[in-house]
Amino acid sequence: MSTAFYDIRPAKQTIFPGNNGSTDDLIRLGNWFGVRTQSKTDQAPDVAPAGSDLRTAGYLGRPRGRDRAPVPTRLIHLSQPRNPAMKLLCLDIPQPGASLEKYQPHMSDEARHAWQMYKGGIIRDIYFRQDRPGVAIIAECESVEAAKQALSEFPLAKAGLLDWDVIPLGPFLNWEALFAPGNA
């Protein structure tokens, strides 16, 4: 078993943090709590954080000793293409003739499939329904049609035992009414 240690001590030469240099400088921003990064919130993930901030993280977090590992120059989640996803509420609909006894032979495969969809980023949350046996899923997909296609791959759906009601969700904007003139 090996243990990697991360060297956060400065190099032999002192590198002073500051904000009066170039955005390409190593450790370009600093404060009493340590090194900071700065990104504009409206920048796409392939642009922010700045390359100098990623190099600083690599410099300060580099392993030392025998177990040196390469330091990525880009965060993994930033290097993958991002598709805008809709948030969807997916409610199972038992089909006529479906019963817990008919579900039983498929339940292990159903759980494995749900886990794969969770790891794949489609299922974000899954809950047991309290009004009847079944599940409610919060999913993310590019469209309602893409979600229905993904949900149709569940073993119970393939066996014709359930279908899905897929409801697109959006941000709740009525909070603004609280801040309207006269409502404060």
Protein backbone atom coordinates (compact mmCIF):
# COMPACT_ATOMS: atom_id res chain seq x y z
CA MET A 1 0.00 0.00 0.00
CA SER A 2 1.40 3.37 -0.94
CA THR A 3 0.59 6.80 0.36
CA ALA A 4 1.06 9.97 -1.67
CA PHE A 5 2.02 13.15 0.12
CA TYR A 6 1.18 16.50 -1.36
CA ASP A 7 3.78 19.21 -1.15
CA ILE A 8 2.14 22.55 -0.48
CA ARG A 9 5.35 24.27 0.57
CA PRO A 10 6.77 26.96 -1.72
CA ALA A 11 9.51 26.07 -4.14
CA LYS A 12 13.13 27.05 -3.47
CA GLN A 13 12.36 30.44 -4.93
CA THR A 14 9.59 32.43 -3.27
CA ILE A 15 6.49 33.02 -5.35
CA PHE A 16 4.50 35.88 -3.89
CA PRO A 17 0.75 35.92 -4.37
CA GLY A 18 -0.79 39.07 -5.63
CA ASN A 19 -3.29 40.54 -7.99
CA ASN A 20 -1.15 43.08 -9.79
CA GLY A 21 0.41 40.68 -12.26
CA SER A 22 -0.73 39.02 -15.41
CA THR A 23 -3.62 36.55 -15.52
CA ASP A 24 -0.95 34.10 -16.74
CA ASP A 25 1.07 34.31 -13.49
CA LEU A 26 1.40 31.33 -11.17
CA ILE A 27 -0.41 32.05 -7.88
CA ARG A 28 -1.91 35.21 -9.35
CA LEU A 29 -4.43 35.68 -6.51
CA GLY A 30 -3.86 35.18 -2.82
CA ASN A 31 -5.15 36.16 0.58
CA TRP A 32 -4.65 35.27 4.22
CA PHE A 33 -6.68 32.08 3.77
CA GLY A 34 -4.52 30.76 0.95
CA VAL A 35 -4.61 30.69 -2.80
CA ARG A 36 -7.79 31.66 -4.62
CA THR A 37 -9.10 31.37 -8.15
CA GLN A 38 -11.34 33.76 -9.96
CA SER A 39 -13.75 32.98 -12.79
CA LYS A 40 -16.58 34.94 -14.30
CA THR A 41 -19.81 33.13 -13.53
CA ASP A 42 -21.08 33.41 -17.08
CA GLN A 43 -18.03 31.74 -18.62
CA ALA A 44 -18.34 28.30 -20.14
CA PRO A 45 -16.59 25.42 -18.32
CA ASP A 46 -14.06 25.05 -21.14
CA VAL A 47 -12.87 28.62 -20.48
CA ALA A 48 -13.00 28.94 -16.70
CA PRO A 49 -11.11 28.57 -14.45
CA ALA A 50 -8.11 30.19 -16.09
CA GLY A 51 -5.19 28.03 -17.15
CA SER A 52 -2.92 29.81 -14.66
CA ASP A 53 -5.27 28.86 -11.81
CA LEU A 54 -5.21 25.22 -12.92
CA ARG A 55 -1.39 25.32 -13.12
CA THR A 56 -1.29 26.82 -9.61
CA ALA A 57 -3.48 23.98 -8.31
CA GLY A 58 -1.16 21.51 -10.03
CA TYR A 59 1.91 23.21 -8.60
CA LEU A 60 0.64 23.37 -5.01
CA GLY A 61 -0.99 19.95 -5.07
CA ARG A 62 1.82 18.04 -6.77
CA PRO A 63 2.75 14.75 -5.14
CA ARG A 64 6.26 14.26 -3.85
CA GLY A 65 8.25 11.15 -3.15
CA ARG A 66 8.06 7.76 -4.90
CA ASP A 67 4.39 7.91 -5.75
CA ARG A 68 4.42 10.87 -8.08
CA ALA A 69 1.35 11.07 -10.25
CA PRO A 70 0.90 13.35 -13.24
CA VAL A 71 -0.98 16.54 -12.46
CA PRO A 72 -3.86 17.17 -14.87
CA THR A 73 -3.78 20.47 -16.71
CA ARG A 74 -7.57 20.52 -16.93
CA LEU A 75 -10.13 19.27 -14.45
CA ILE A 76 -11.75 16.08 -15.71
CA HIS A 77 -15.32 17.34 -15.65
CA LEU A 78 -14.30 20.46 -17.57
CA SER A 79 -12.64 18.49 -20.35
CA GLN A 80 -15.83 16.63 -21.26
CA PRO A 81 -18.37 18.31 -23.54
CA ARG A 82 -21.37 19.65 -21.69
CA ASN A 83 -24.84 19.40 -23.15
CA PRO A 84 -27.59 21.54 -21.73
CA ALA A 85 -29.85 19.20 -19.82
CA MET A 86 -33.44 19.51 -18.74
CA LYS A 87 -34.47 18.47 -15.26
CA LEU A 88 -37.37 16.02 -15.39
CA LEU A 89 -39.72 14.43 -12.88
CA CYS A 90 -40.32 10.82 -13.94
CA LEU A 91 -43.18 8.91 -12.33
CA ASP A 92 -43.66 5.20 -12.98
CA ILE A 93 -47.03 4.03 -14.30
CA PRO A 94 -47.86 0.37 -13.61
CA GLN A 95 -49.42 -1.24 -16.68
CA PRO A 96 -52.63 -3.29 -16.56
CA GLY A 97 -51.95 -6.71 -15.08
CA ALA A 98 -48.70 -5.61 -13.35
CA SER A 99 -48.19 -6.90 -9.83
CA LEU A 100 -45.41 -7.19 -7.28
CA GLU A 101 -45.21 -10.91 -8.08
CA LYS A 102 -44.61 -10.13 -11.77
CA TYR A 103 -42.04 -7.46 -10.84
CA GLN A 104 -40.01 -9.79 -8.59
CA PRO A 105 -37.96 -11.66 -11.28
CA HIS A 106 -36.76 -8.30 -12.69
CA MET A 107 -35.90 -6.41 -9.50
CA SER A 108 -32.16 -7.16 -9.32
CA ASP A 109 -31.68 -6.15 -12.96
CA GLU A 110 -33.90 -3.12 -12.38
CA ALA A 111 -31.68 -1.94 -9.49
CA ARG A 112 -28.48 -2.55 -11.49
CA HIS A 113 -29.88 -0.61 -14.43
CA ALA A 114 -30.89 2.30 -12.16
CA TRP A 115 -27.34 2.34 -10.73
CA GLN A 116 -25.85 2.50 -14.24
CA MET A 117 -28.16 5.38 -15.14
CA TYR A 118 -27.15 7.15 -11.93
CA LYS A 119 -23.45 6.72 -12.72
CA GLY A 120 -24.15 7.87 -16.28
CA GLY A 121 -25.60 11.16 -15.05
CA ILE A 122 -29.19 10.57 -16.16
CA ILE A 123 -30.72 9.78 -12.76
CA ARG A 124 -29.98 12.53 -10.25
CA ASP A 125 -32.34 11.44 -7.45
CA ILE A 126 -34.61 8.45 -6.94
CA TYR A 127 -37.29 8.04 -4.28
CA PHE A 128 -39.83 5.42 -3.22
CA ARG A 129 -43.34 6.73 -3.64
CA GLN A 130 -45.35 6.99 -0.42
CA ASP A 131 -48.81 6.90 -2.05
CA ARG A 132 -48.33 3.44 -3.66
CA PRO A 133 -45.52 1.02 -4.55
CA GLY A 134 -43.26 2.62 -7.14
CA VAL A 135 -40.58 5.23 -7.68
CA ALA A 136 -40.20 8.89 -8.55
CA ILE A 137 -37.01 9.83 -10.39
CA ILE A 138 -35.43 13.24 -10.92
CA ALA A 139 -33.54 12.88 -14.20
CA GLU A 140 -31.46 15.08 -16.49
CA CYS A 141 -31.64 14.64 -20.26
CA GLU A 142 -31.52 16.83 -23.35
CA SER A 143 -35.27 16.41 -23.93
CA VAL A 144 -38.42 14.67 -22.75
CA GLU A 145 -38.03 12.25 -25.67
CA ALA A 146 -34.46 11.38 -24.65
CA ALA A 147 -35.65 10.72 -21.09
CA LYS A 148 -38.49 8.49 -22.31
CA GLN A 149 -36.02 6.55 -24.45
CA ALA A 150 -33.64 6.07 -21.51
CA LEU A 151 -36.47 5.03 -19.18
CA SER A 152 -37.78 2.52 -21.72
CA GLU A 153 -34.55 0.55 -21.20
CA PHE A 154 -35.49 -0.39 -17.62
CA PRO A 155 -36.16 -4.16 -17.38
CA LEU A 156 -39.70 -3.62 -16.04
CA ALA A 157 -40.48 -1.31 -18.95
CA LYS A 158 -39.03 -3.80 -21.44
CA ALA A 159 -41.21 -6.52 -19.87
CA GLY A 160 -44.28 -4.33 -20.45
CA LEU A 161 -44.98 -4.00 -16.73
CA LEU A 162 -44.59 -0.24 -16.41
CA ASP A 163 -44.42 2.98 -18.39
CA TRP A 164 -43.33 6.46 -17.40
CA ASP A 165 -44.90 9.88 -17.06
CA VAL A 166 -42.12 12.40 -17.78
CA ILE A 167 -42.72 15.98 -16.62
CA PRO A 168 -40.23 18.74 -17.60
CA LEU A 169 -39.27 21.07 -14.75
CA GLY A 170 -37.92 24.61 -14.72
CA PRO A 171 -36.72 27.15 -12.19
CA PHE A 172 -39.29 28.56 -9.78
CA LEU A 173 -39.38 32.25 -10.62
CA ASN A 174 -42.15 33.42 -8.29
CA TRP A 175 -39.61 34.30 -5.59
CA GLU A 176 -39.41 37.68 -7.34
CA ALA A 177 -42.90 38.51 -6.06
CA LEU A 178 -41.43 38.70 -2.55
CA PHE A 179 -39.18 41.54 -3.63
CA ALA A 180 -41.73 43.53 -5.65
CA PRO A 181 -42.37 47.09 -4.43
CA GLY A 182 -44.85 47.08 -1.57
CA ASN A 183 -44.19 43.44 -0.57
CA ALA A 184 -41.06 44.03 1.52
